[in-house]
Amino acid sequence: MYRVAYKDTEVEVSGRRVRCRIPDLLVHIEESQAALIGASRATITRDMSPPALTIEIVSPGTDNRNRDYRYKHTEYAARGIAEYWIVDPEMQQITVCQGGEGQYEAQY
């Protein structure tokens, strides 16, 4: 069973800006993948287990940087996703955010 999803699975978040995010790439845990079997829409709702990892690739532009480094960072942490990677081609950097309890520690 494949656990990697590419731009085809929504993750419901509790941010003020949006209700769902669609990561560029995510890695399911067994429970999050199983919860989507037979679903009419690939949405991991707040009552489902979160994926293990979400990865976002930063697109050019200030708004995109803010969205990936600030908003998604906070939303994914609050959602309980254990790990969030920010791939930044412009900065030639990958930021690995790990944690729990609603916040991440970032490693560059």
N, C-alpha and C. Protein backbone atom coordinates (compact mmCIF):
# COMPACT_ATOMS: atom_id res chain seq x y z
N MET A 1 0.84 -1.17 0.00
CA MET A 1 0.00 0.00 0.00
C MET A 1 0.89 1.25 0.00
N TYR A 2 0.62 2.18 -0.89
CA TYR A 2 1.41 3.41 -0.97
C TYR A 2 0.97 4.39 0.11
N ARG A 3 1.94 5.02 0.74
CA ARG A 3 1.64 5.97 1.80
C ARG A 3 1.96 7.40 1.40
N VAL A 4 2.49 7.61 0.21
CA VAL A 4 2.83 8.95 -0.24
C VAL A 4 1.70 9.47 -1.12
N ALA A 5 1.29 10.70 -0.87
CA ALA A 5 0.24 11.33 -1.67
C ALA A 5 0.80 12.63 -2.24
N TYR A 6 0.62 12.84 -3.52
CA TYR A 6 1.14 14.04 -4.17
C TYR A 6 -0.02 14.92 -4.61
N LYS A 7 -0.18 16.05 -3.97
CA LYS A 7 -1.17 17.07 -4.34
C LYS A 7 -2.56 16.50 -4.60
N ASP A 8 -2.93 15.47 -3.90
CA ASP A 8 -4.27 14.94 -4.12
C ASP A 8 -5.02 14.70 -2.82
N THR A 9 -4.45 15.12 -1.71
CA THR A 9 -5.11 14.92 -0.43
C THR A 9 -5.16 16.23 0.33
N GLU A 10 -6.35 16.61 0.77
CA GLU A 10 -6.51 17.81 1.58
C GLU A 10 -6.35 17.46 3.05
N VAL A 11 -5.85 18.42 3.80
CA VAL A 11 -5.74 18.28 5.24
C VAL A 11 -6.55 19.41 5.86
N GLU A 12 -7.58 19.06 6.60
CA GLU A 12 -8.40 20.07 7.26
C GLU A 12 -7.60 20.69 8.40
N VAL A 13 -7.58 22.02 8.45
CA VAL A 13 -6.86 22.76 9.49
C VAL A 13 -7.82 23.73 10.17
N SER A 14 -7.37 24.30 11.26
CA SER A 14 -8.25 25.22 11.99
C SER A 14 -7.74 26.65 11.93
N GLY A 15 -7.14 27.02 10.83
CA GLY A 15 -6.65 28.38 10.66
C GLY A 15 -7.78 29.36 10.37
N ARG A 16 -7.47 30.63 10.57
CA ARG A 16 -8.47 31.66 10.28
C ARG A 16 -8.57 31.97 8.80
N ARG A 17 -7.51 31.68 8.05
CA ARG A 17 -7.46 32.02 6.63
C ARG A 17 -8.15 30.99 5.75
N VAL A 18 -7.96 29.71 6.06
CA VAL A 18 -8.51 28.63 5.23
C VAL A 18 -8.98 27.49 6.11
N ARG A 19 -9.77 26.61 5.53
CA ARG A 19 -10.24 25.42 6.25
C ARG A 19 -9.43 24.18 5.91
N CYS A 20 -8.85 24.16 4.70
CA CYS A 20 -8.07 23.01 4.25
C CYS A 20 -6.79 23.46 3.55
N ARG A 21 -5.79 22.62 3.65
CA ARG A 21 -4.55 22.82 2.90
C ARG A 21 -4.31 21.58 2.05
N ILE A 22 -3.67 21.79 0.91
CA ILE A 22 -3.29 20.68 0.04
C ILE A 22 -1.77 20.69 -0.05
N PRO A 23 -1.10 19.88 0.76
CA PRO A 23 0.37 19.86 0.72
C PRO A 23 0.88 19.38 -0.63
N ASP A 24 2.08 19.85 -0.98
CA ASP A 24 2.69 19.37 -2.22
C ASP A 24 2.95 17.88 -2.15
N LEU A 25 3.27 17.41 -0.95
CA LEU A 25 3.52 15.99 -0.74
C LEU A 25 3.19 15.68 0.70
N LEU A 26 2.62 14.51 0.95
CA LEU A 26 2.41 14.09 2.33
C LEU A 26 2.63 12.61 2.44
N VAL A 27 2.97 12.20 3.65
CA VAL A 27 3.18 10.79 3.94
C VAL A 27 2.17 10.41 5.01
N HIS A 28 1.33 9.46 4.66
CA HIS A 28 0.29 8.99 5.58
C HIS A 28 0.87 8.10 6.67
N ILE A 29 0.19 8.07 7.80
CA ILE A 29 0.35 6.97 8.73
C ILE A 29 -0.71 5.97 8.33
N GLU A 30 -0.65 4.79 8.84
CA GLU A 30 -1.61 3.75 8.45
C GLU A 30 -3.05 4.21 8.68
N GLU A 31 -3.31 4.87 9.80
CA GLU A 31 -4.67 5.28 10.15
C GLU A 31 -5.20 6.37 9.21
N SER A 32 -4.36 7.34 8.85
CA SER A 32 -4.84 8.41 7.96
C SER A 32 -5.13 7.88 6.57
N GLN A 33 -4.32 6.94 6.12
CA GLN A 33 -4.56 6.35 4.81
C GLN A 33 -5.82 5.49 4.83
N ALA A 34 -5.98 4.70 5.87
CA ALA A 34 -7.14 3.81 5.97
C ALA A 34 -8.44 4.61 6.06
N ALA A 35 -8.39 5.76 6.70
CA ALA A 35 -9.59 6.58 6.86
C ALA A 35 -10.12 7.11 5.52
N LEU A 36 -9.26 7.17 4.52
CA LEU A 36 -9.67 7.69 3.22
C LEU A 36 -10.20 6.62 2.27
N ILE A 37 -10.05 5.36 2.63
CA ILE A 37 -10.53 4.28 1.76
C ILE A 37 -12.04 4.38 1.63
N GLY A 38 -12.50 4.46 0.41
CA GLY A 38 -13.94 4.55 0.14
C GLY A 38 -14.52 5.94 0.28
N ALA A 39 -13.71 6.91 0.66
CA ALA A 39 -14.21 8.28 0.81
C ALA A 39 -14.46 8.89 -0.56
N SER A 40 -15.47 9.74 -0.66
CA SER A 40 -15.78 10.38 -1.93
C SER A 40 -14.80 11.51 -2.24
N ARG A 41 -14.12 12.00 -1.20
CA ARG A 41 -13.17 13.10 -1.37
C ARG A 41 -11.96 12.83 -0.47
N ALA A 42 -10.77 13.03 -0.97
CA ALA A 42 -9.55 12.75 -0.21
C ALA A 42 -9.25 13.91 0.74
N THR A 43 -10.00 13.96 1.82
CA THR A 43 -9.82 15.00 2.83
C THR A 43 -9.62 14.36 4.18
N ILE A 44 -8.50 14.69 4.81
CA ILE A 44 -8.24 14.22 6.17
C ILE A 44 -8.87 15.26 7.10
N THR A 45 -10.00 14.90 7.65
CA THR A 45 -10.73 15.84 8.51
C THR A 45 -10.12 15.86 9.91
N ARG A 46 -10.56 16.83 10.71
CA ARG A 46 -9.99 17.00 12.05
C ARG A 46 -10.26 15.82 12.97
N ASP A 47 -11.28 15.04 12.67
CA ASP A 47 -11.57 13.87 13.52
C ASP A 47 -10.78 12.63 13.10
N MET A 48 -9.96 12.74 12.04
CA MET A 48 -9.12 11.63 11.58
C MET A 48 -7.69 11.85 12.06
N SER A 49 -6.93 10.77 12.11
CA SER A 49 -5.51 10.88 12.45
C SER A 49 -4.78 11.70 11.40
N PRO A 50 -3.88 12.57 11.82
CA PRO A 50 -3.14 13.37 10.84
C PRO A 50 -2.08 12.54 10.13
N PRO A 51 -1.60 13.00 8.97
CA PRO A 51 -0.50 12.31 8.31
C PRO A 51 0.77 12.44 9.14
N ALA A 52 1.78 11.65 8.79
CA ALA A 52 3.05 11.68 9.51
C ALA A 52 3.89 12.90 9.12
N LEU A 53 3.78 13.31 7.86
CA LEU A 53 4.67 14.33 7.31
C LEU A 53 3.95 15.09 6.21
N THR A 54 4.12 16.40 6.21
CA THR A 54 3.69 17.22 5.07
C THR A 54 4.91 17.96 4.55
N ILE A 55 4.97 18.12 3.23
CA ILE A 55 6.08 18.82 2.59
C ILE A 55 5.49 19.88 1.68
N GLU A 56 5.99 21.10 1.83
CA GLU A 56 5.58 22.22 0.98
C GLU A 56 6.80 22.75 0.25
N ILE A 57 6.65 23.04 -1.03
CA ILE A 57 7.70 23.66 -1.83
C ILE A 57 7.32 25.12 -2.01
N VAL A 58 8.18 26.01 -1.55
CA VAL A 58 7.88 27.44 -1.57
C VAL A 58 7.93 27.95 -3.00
N SER A 59 6.85 28.58 -3.43
CA SER A 59 6.82 29.23 -4.74
C SER A 59 7.34 30.65 -4.59
N PRO A 60 7.83 31.24 -5.67
CA PRO A 60 8.34 32.62 -5.58
C PRO A 60 7.24 33.59 -5.14
N GLY A 61 7.66 34.63 -4.42
CA GLY A 61 6.73 35.67 -4.00
C GLY A 61 6.58 35.74 -2.50
N THR A 62 6.43 36.95 -2.00
CA THR A 62 6.32 37.19 -0.56
C THR A 62 5.11 36.50 0.04
N ASP A 63 3.97 36.55 -0.63
CA ASP A 63 2.76 35.92 -0.10
C ASP A 63 2.96 34.42 0.08
N ASN A 64 3.60 33.78 -0.88
CA ASN A 64 3.85 32.34 -0.79
C ASN A 64 4.80 32.02 0.36
N ARG A 65 5.82 32.83 0.56
CA ARG A 65 6.77 32.63 1.65
C ARG A 65 6.05 32.73 3.00
N ASN A 66 5.22 33.78 3.15
CA ASN A 66 4.46 33.94 4.39
C ASN A 66 3.55 32.75 4.63
N ARG A 67 2.90 32.31 3.58
CA ARG A 67 1.97 31.19 3.71
C ARG A 67 2.70 29.93 4.19
N ASP A 68 3.83 29.61 3.58
CA ASP A 68 4.54 28.37 3.92
C ASP A 68 5.30 28.46 5.24
N TYR A 69 5.95 29.58 5.49
CA TYR A 69 6.77 29.71 6.70
C TYR A 69 5.97 30.11 7.93
N ARG A 70 4.88 30.79 7.74
CA ARG A 70 4.13 31.30 8.89
C ARG A 70 2.80 30.58 9.09
N TYR A 71 1.92 30.70 8.12
CA TYR A 71 0.56 30.19 8.30
C TYR A 71 0.50 28.67 8.32
N LYS A 72 1.07 28.03 7.30
CA LYS A 72 1.03 26.56 7.26
C LYS A 72 1.81 25.96 8.42
N HIS A 73 2.91 26.58 8.78
CA HIS A 73 3.72 26.14 9.91
C HIS A 73 2.84 26.04 11.16
N THR A 74 2.10 27.08 11.44
CA THR A 74 1.22 27.13 12.61
C THR A 74 0.05 26.17 12.48
N GLU A 75 -0.57 26.14 11.31
CA GLU A 75 -1.74 25.29 11.08
C GLU A 75 -1.39 23.80 11.18
N TYR A 76 -0.28 23.40 10.58
CA TYR A 76 0.10 21.99 10.62
C TYR A 76 0.50 21.56 12.03
N ALA A 77 1.18 22.45 12.76
CA ALA A 77 1.55 22.13 14.14
C ALA A 77 0.30 21.96 15.00
N ALA A 78 -0.66 22.88 14.85
CA ALA A 78 -1.90 22.80 15.62
C ALA A 78 -2.71 21.56 15.26
N ARG A 79 -2.56 21.10 14.03
CA ARG A 79 -3.27 19.91 13.55
C ARG A 79 -2.66 18.62 14.09
N GLY A 80 -1.46 18.71 14.65
CA GLY A 80 -0.83 17.54 15.24
C GLY A 80 0.03 16.73 14.28
N ILE A 81 0.39 17.34 13.15
CA ILE A 81 1.26 16.66 12.19
C ILE A 81 2.68 16.68 12.75
N ALA A 82 3.27 15.52 12.91
CA ALA A 82 4.54 15.38 13.61
C ALA A 82 5.71 16.08 12.93
N GLU A 83 5.67 16.14 11.61
CA GLU A 83 6.81 16.71 10.88
C GLU A 83 6.34 17.48 9.66
N TYR A 84 6.94 18.64 9.43
CA TYR A 84 6.61 19.51 8.30
C TYR A 84 7.92 19.99 7.70
N TRP A 85 8.10 19.75 6.40
CA TRP A 85 9.30 20.20 5.70
C TRP A 85 8.93 21.36 4.79
N ILE A 86 9.78 22.37 4.79
CA ILE A 86 9.62 23.50 3.88
C ILE A 86 10.83 23.47 2.93
N VAL A 87 10.55 23.18 1.68
CA VAL A 87 11.60 23.12 0.66
C VAL A 87 11.60 24.48 -0.05
N ASP A 88 12.71 25.20 0.08
CA ASP A 88 12.79 26.56 -0.44
C ASP A 88 13.87 26.63 -1.52
N PRO A 89 13.47 26.49 -2.81
CA PRO A 89 14.45 26.51 -3.89
C PRO A 89 15.20 27.83 -3.99
N GLU A 90 14.54 28.93 -3.72
CA GLU A 90 15.18 30.25 -3.80
C GLU A 90 16.32 30.39 -2.78
N MET A 91 16.08 29.92 -1.57
CA MET A 91 17.09 30.00 -0.50
C MET A 91 18.02 28.77 -0.53
N GLN A 92 17.71 27.81 -1.38
CA GLN A 92 18.44 26.54 -1.45
C GLN A 92 18.54 25.92 -0.05
N GLN A 93 17.36 25.76 0.55
CA GLN A 93 17.31 25.32 1.94
C GLN A 93 16.09 24.43 2.17
N ILE A 94 16.26 23.46 3.03
CA ILE A 94 15.14 22.66 3.50
C ILE A 94 15.05 22.87 5.00
N THR A 95 13.89 23.30 5.45
CA THR A 95 13.64 23.48 6.88
C THR A 95 12.83 22.30 7.36
N VAL A 96 13.34 21.58 8.34
CA VAL A 96 12.65 20.43 8.90
C VAL A 96 12.07 20.87 10.24
N CYS A 97 10.75 20.85 10.32
CA CYS A 97 10.05 21.25 11.54
C CYS A 97 9.49 19.99 12.20
N GLN A 98 9.90 19.76 13.42
CA GLN A 98 9.46 18.57 14.14
C GLN A 98 8.92 18.99 15.50
N GLY A 99 8.01 18.20 16.00
CA GLY A 99 7.52 18.51 17.33
C GLY A 99 6.17 17.91 17.60
N GLY A 100 5.54 18.48 18.52
CA GLY A 100 4.23 18.07 18.95
C GLY A 100 3.71 19.14 19.88
N GLU A 101 2.65 18.86 20.55
CA GLU A 101 2.09 19.82 21.49
C GLU A 101 1.76 21.15 20.82
N GLY A 102 1.46 21.13 19.54
CA GLY A 102 1.01 22.33 18.84
C GLY A 102 2.10 23.29 18.39
N GLN A 103 3.37 22.91 18.48
CA GLN A 103 4.43 23.77 17.97
C GLN A 103 5.59 22.94 17.45
N TYR A 104 6.38 23.57 16.59
CA TYR A 104 7.52 22.89 15.98
C TYR A 104 8.83 23.53 16.43
N GLU A 105 9.87 22.71 16.38
CA GLU A 105 11.24 23.21 16.44
C GLU A 105 11.78 23.06 15.03
N ALA A 106 12.38 24.13 14.52
CA ALA A 106 12.88 24.12 13.15
C ALA A 106 14.38 23.83 13.11
N GLN A 107 14.78 23.00 12.15
CA GLN A 107 16.19 22.71 11.90
C GLN A 107 16.46 23.02 10.45
N TYR A 108 17.52 23.73 10.19
CA TYR A 108 17.86 24.14 8.83
C TYR A 108 18.99 23.31 8.29
